[in-house]
Amino acid sequence: MAFIRKARELDFHIQDTRALLALRTAGDACADVRRIAKRHLEQVRAKLRKAIEAERKLSEAVERCTGEGPASACTVLCALETSHAD
């Protein structure tokens, strides 16, 4: 259970967790484990970059917002309306 708990903490998908569990008893499987972990690390890094960019954009919009005036002039709403989908 500790293995599964740790895999969940590291945000591994259930399929990858199952694969890693199966590979624990495989003979020469370190390369396969590394491949799964490397792919997951790339996904984590991509999410992190996206979160950092979202934080930057939101922080800028909040900083520019005076909290006064009509909603149509709100910098936060304007930032949401002009954001491009990824």
N, C-alpha and C. Protein backbone atom coordinates (compact mmCIF):
# COMPACT_ATOMS: atom_id res chain seq x y z
N MET A 1 0.81 -1.20 0.00
CA MET A 1 0.00 0.00 0.00
C MET A 1 0.85 1.26 0.00
N ALA A 2 2.01 1.21 0.63
CA ALA A 2 2.88 2.39 0.68
C ALA A 2 3.32 2.77 -0.73
N PHE A 3 3.58 1.77 -1.57
CA PHE A 3 3.99 2.02 -2.95
C PHE A 3 2.90 2.78 -3.69
N ILE A 4 1.67 2.31 -3.58
CA ILE A 4 0.54 2.94 -4.26
C ILE A 4 0.31 4.34 -3.71
N ARG A 5 0.40 4.49 -2.42
CA ARG A 5 0.22 5.81 -1.81
C ARG A 5 1.27 6.80 -2.33
N LYS A 6 2.51 6.37 -2.40
CA LYS A 6 3.58 7.23 -2.88
C LYS A 6 3.38 7.56 -4.37
N ALA A 7 2.96 6.59 -5.15
CA ALA A 7 2.69 6.83 -6.57
C ALA A 7 1.57 7.85 -6.74
N ARG A 8 0.56 7.77 -5.88
CA ARG A 8 -0.53 8.74 -5.94
C ARG A 8 -0.04 10.13 -5.55
N GLU A 9 0.82 10.21 -4.54
CA GLU A 9 1.39 11.49 -4.13
C GLU A 9 2.17 12.14 -5.27
N LEU A 10 2.81 11.31 -6.08
CA LEU A 10 3.58 11.80 -7.23
C LEU A 10 2.71 11.97 -8.47
N ASP A 11 1.40 11.75 -8.31
CA ASP A 11 0.41 11.97 -9.36
C ASP A 11 0.55 11.03 -10.56
N PHE A 12 1.04 9.81 -10.31
CA PHE A 12 1.08 8.82 -11.39
C PHE A 12 -0.35 8.38 -11.71
N HIS A 13 -0.65 8.18 -12.96
CA HIS A 13 -1.94 7.64 -13.37
C HIS A 13 -2.04 6.19 -12.89
N ILE A 14 -3.25 5.74 -12.70
CA ILE A 14 -3.46 4.38 -12.19
C ILE A 14 -2.85 3.33 -13.12
N GLN A 15 -2.92 3.57 -14.45
CA GLN A 15 -2.35 2.61 -15.39
C GLN A 15 -0.84 2.50 -15.19
N ASP A 16 -0.18 3.65 -15.01
CA ASP A 16 1.26 3.63 -14.80
C ASP A 16 1.61 3.00 -13.46
N THR A 17 0.81 3.26 -12.45
CA THR A 17 1.04 2.65 -11.14
C THR A 17 0.95 1.13 -11.25
N ARG A 18 -0.04 0.65 -11.95
CA ARG A 18 -0.18 -0.80 -12.15
C ARG A 18 1.02 -1.37 -12.89
N ALA A 19 1.44 -0.66 -13.93
CA ALA A 19 2.59 -1.11 -14.71
C ALA A 19 3.84 -1.15 -13.84
N LEU A 20 4.04 -0.11 -13.04
CA LEU A 20 5.21 -0.07 -12.16
C LEU A 20 5.16 -1.18 -11.12
N LEU A 21 3.98 -1.44 -10.59
CA LEU A 21 3.84 -2.54 -9.64
C LEU A 21 4.22 -3.87 -10.29
N ALA A 22 3.77 -4.08 -11.50
CA ALA A 22 4.08 -5.32 -12.21
C ALA A 22 5.58 -5.42 -12.51
N LEU A 23 6.20 -4.31 -12.81
CA LEU A 23 7.62 -4.31 -13.15
C LEU A 23 8.52 -4.52 -11.94
N ARG A 24 7.99 -4.33 -10.74
CA ARG A 24 8.79 -4.52 -9.53
C ARG A 24 9.36 -5.93 -9.44
N THR A 25 8.64 -6.89 -9.97
CA THR A 25 9.08 -8.28 -9.87
C THR A 25 9.68 -8.78 -11.18
N ALA A 26 9.74 -7.94 -12.19
CA ALA A 26 10.33 -8.33 -13.47
C ALA A 26 11.85 -8.33 -13.35
N GLY A 27 12.48 -9.16 -14.11
CA GLY A 27 13.93 -9.28 -14.03
C GLY A 27 14.67 -8.03 -14.44
N ASP A 28 14.74 -7.78 -15.72
CA ASP A 28 15.54 -6.67 -16.26
C ASP A 28 14.60 -5.59 -16.76
N ALA A 29 13.94 -4.90 -15.82
CA ALA A 29 12.88 -3.97 -16.21
C ALA A 29 13.18 -2.52 -15.87
N CYS A 30 14.36 -2.23 -15.40
CA CYS A 30 14.66 -0.86 -14.99
C CYS A 30 14.47 0.14 -16.14
N ALA A 31 14.81 -0.26 -17.36
CA ALA A 31 14.64 0.62 -18.52
C ALA A 31 13.17 0.94 -18.74
N ASP A 32 12.31 -0.05 -18.54
CA ASP A 32 10.87 0.18 -18.68
C ASP A 32 10.35 1.11 -17.59
N VAL A 33 10.82 0.90 -16.37
CA VAL A 33 10.43 1.77 -15.25
C VAL A 33 10.87 3.20 -15.54
N ARG A 34 12.10 3.35 -16.01
CA ARG A 34 12.63 4.68 -16.32
C ARG A 34 11.80 5.36 -17.41
N ARG A 35 11.42 4.61 -18.42
CA ARG A 35 10.61 5.16 -19.52
C ARG A 35 9.28 5.70 -18.99
N ILE A 36 8.62 4.94 -18.14
CA ILE A 36 7.35 5.37 -17.55
C ILE A 36 7.56 6.61 -16.68
N ALA A 37 8.59 6.58 -15.84
CA ALA A 37 8.86 7.70 -14.95
C ALA A 37 9.26 8.95 -15.73
N LYS A 38 10.05 8.77 -16.78
CA LYS A 38 10.47 9.91 -17.59
C LYS A 38 9.28 10.56 -18.29
N ARG A 39 8.39 9.75 -18.83
CA ARG A 39 7.19 10.27 -19.48
C ARG A 39 6.34 11.04 -18.47
N HIS A 40 6.21 10.48 -17.29
CA HIS A 40 5.42 11.14 -16.24
C HIS A 40 6.07 12.45 -15.82
N LEU A 41 7.38 12.45 -15.68
CA LEU A 41 8.11 13.67 -15.31
C LEU A 41 7.88 14.76 -16.36
N GLU A 42 7.89 14.40 -17.62
CA GLU A 42 7.63 15.38 -18.68
C GLU A 42 6.22 15.95 -18.57
N GLN A 43 5.25 15.11 -18.21
CA GLN A 43 3.88 15.57 -18.02
C GLN A 43 3.78 16.51 -16.82
N VAL A 44 4.47 16.17 -15.73
CA VAL A 44 4.47 17.01 -14.53
C VAL A 44 5.09 18.36 -14.85
N ARG A 45 6.20 18.35 -15.57
CA ARG A 45 6.86 19.61 -15.94
C ARG A 45 5.97 20.47 -16.84
N ALA A 46 5.25 19.85 -17.76
CA ALA A 46 4.34 20.60 -18.64
C ALA A 46 3.22 21.24 -17.82
N LYS A 47 2.67 20.50 -16.87
CA LYS A 47 1.62 21.04 -15.99
C LYS A 47 2.17 22.20 -15.17
N LEU A 48 3.39 22.04 -14.69
CA LEU A 48 4.01 23.08 -13.89
C LEU A 48 4.21 24.36 -14.71
N ARG A 49 4.72 24.21 -15.93
CA ARG A 49 4.89 25.39 -16.80
C ARG A 49 3.55 26.08 -17.04
N LYS A 50 2.52 25.29 -17.28
CA LYS A 50 1.19 25.85 -17.52
C LYS A 50 0.67 26.57 -16.27
N ALA A 51 0.88 25.97 -15.10
CA ALA A 51 0.44 26.60 -13.85
C ALA A 51 1.20 27.89 -13.58
N ILE A 52 2.50 27.91 -13.86
CA ILE A 52 3.29 29.12 -13.67
C ILE A 52 2.81 30.23 -14.59
N GLU A 53 2.51 29.89 -15.83
CA GLU A 53 2.00 30.89 -16.78
C GLU A 53 0.63 31.40 -16.34
N ALA A 54 -0.23 30.51 -15.86
CA ALA A 54 -1.55 30.93 -15.37
C ALA A 54 -1.40 31.86 -14.17
N GLU A 55 -0.49 31.54 -13.28
CA GLU A 55 -0.26 32.40 -12.11
C GLU A 55 0.23 33.77 -12.54
N ARG A 56 1.12 33.81 -13.51
CA ARG A 56 1.66 35.09 -13.99
C ARG A 56 0.56 35.95 -14.60
N LYS A 57 -0.25 35.37 -15.46
CA LYS A 57 -1.32 36.11 -16.12
C LYS A 57 -2.36 36.61 -15.10
N LEU A 58 -2.74 35.73 -14.20
CA LEU A 58 -3.74 36.12 -13.20
C LEU A 58 -3.18 37.18 -12.25
N SER A 59 -1.95 37.03 -11.87
CA SER A 59 -1.32 38.01 -10.99
C SER A 59 -1.28 39.38 -11.65
N GLU A 60 -0.92 39.42 -12.93
CA GLU A 60 -0.88 40.70 -13.66
C GLU A 60 -2.28 41.33 -13.73
N ALA A 61 -3.28 40.52 -14.03
CA ALA A 61 -4.65 41.04 -14.13
C ALA A 61 -5.13 41.58 -12.79
N VAL A 62 -4.85 40.86 -11.71
CA VAL A 62 -5.28 41.30 -10.38
C VAL A 62 -4.54 42.58 -9.98
N GLU A 63 -3.26 42.65 -10.28
CA GLU A 63 -2.49 43.84 -9.95
C GLU A 63 -3.02 45.08 -10.68
N ARG A 64 -3.44 44.91 -11.92
CA ARG A 64 -3.95 46.04 -12.71
C ARG A 64 -5.38 46.42 -12.33
N CYS A 65 -6.08 45.51 -11.67
CA CYS A 65 -7.48 45.75 -11.31
C CYS A 65 -7.57 46.69 -10.11
N THR A 66 -8.32 47.76 -10.26
CA THR A 66 -8.50 48.71 -9.16
C THR A 66 -9.61 48.28 -8.22
N GLY A 67 -10.47 47.40 -8.68
CA GLY A 67 -11.61 46.98 -7.88
C GLY A 67 -12.73 47.99 -7.90
N GLU A 68 -12.62 48.94 -8.80
CA GLU A 68 -13.64 49.98 -8.91
C GLU A 68 -14.11 50.08 -10.36
N GLY A 69 -15.28 50.62 -10.53
CA GLY A 69 -15.81 50.85 -11.86
C GLY A 69 -16.66 49.71 -12.36
N PRO A 70 -17.09 49.82 -13.60
CA PRO A 70 -17.99 48.81 -14.16
C PRO A 70 -17.25 47.50 -14.47
N ALA A 71 -17.99 46.43 -14.46
CA ALA A 71 -17.41 45.12 -14.77
C ALA A 71 -16.83 45.10 -16.18
N SER A 72 -17.42 45.86 -17.09
CA SER A 72 -16.94 45.87 -18.46
C SER A 72 -15.51 46.41 -18.57
N ALA A 73 -15.04 47.14 -17.56
CA ALA A 73 -13.69 47.67 -17.57
C ALA A 73 -12.74 46.89 -16.66
N CYS A 74 -13.22 45.82 -16.07
CA CYS A 74 -12.41 45.04 -15.12
C CYS A 74 -11.28 44.31 -15.86
N THR A 75 -10.06 44.52 -15.41
CA THR A 75 -8.91 43.89 -16.08
C THR A 75 -8.91 42.37 -15.95
N VAL A 76 -9.47 41.87 -14.86
CA VAL A 76 -9.53 40.42 -14.70
C VAL A 76 -10.48 39.82 -15.74
N LEU A 77 -11.66 40.42 -15.88
CA LEU A 77 -12.61 39.92 -16.89
C LEU A 77 -12.06 40.09 -18.29
N CYS A 78 -11.39 41.21 -18.54
CA CYS A 78 -10.79 41.44 -19.86
C CYS A 78 -9.73 40.39 -20.16
N ALA A 79 -8.93 40.05 -19.17
CA ALA A 79 -7.90 39.03 -19.37
C ALA A 79 -8.53 37.67 -19.68
N LEU A 80 -9.64 37.36 -19.03
CA LEU A 80 -10.32 36.10 -19.30
C LEU A 80 -10.93 36.07 -20.69
N GLU A 81 -11.45 37.21 -21.12
CA GLU A 81 -12.09 37.27 -22.43
C GLU A 81 -11.09 37.23 -23.57
N THR A 82 -9.87 37.70 -23.34
CA THR A 82 -8.87 37.73 -24.41
C THR A 82 -7.90 36.58 -24.35
N SER A 83 -7.99 35.71 -23.33
CA SER A 83 -7.09 34.57 -23.23
C SER A 83 -7.36 33.58 -24.34
N HIS A 84 -6.29 32.98 -24.82
CA HIS A 84 -6.41 31.96 -25.86
C HIS A 84 -6.41 30.59 -25.22
N ALA A 85 -7.22 29.70 -25.75
CA ALA A 85 -7.26 28.32 -25.23
C ALA A 85 -5.99 27.59 -25.65
N ASP A 86 -5.48 26.76 -24.74
CA ASP A 86 -4.27 25.98 -25.05
C ASP A 86 -4.62 24.63 -25.58
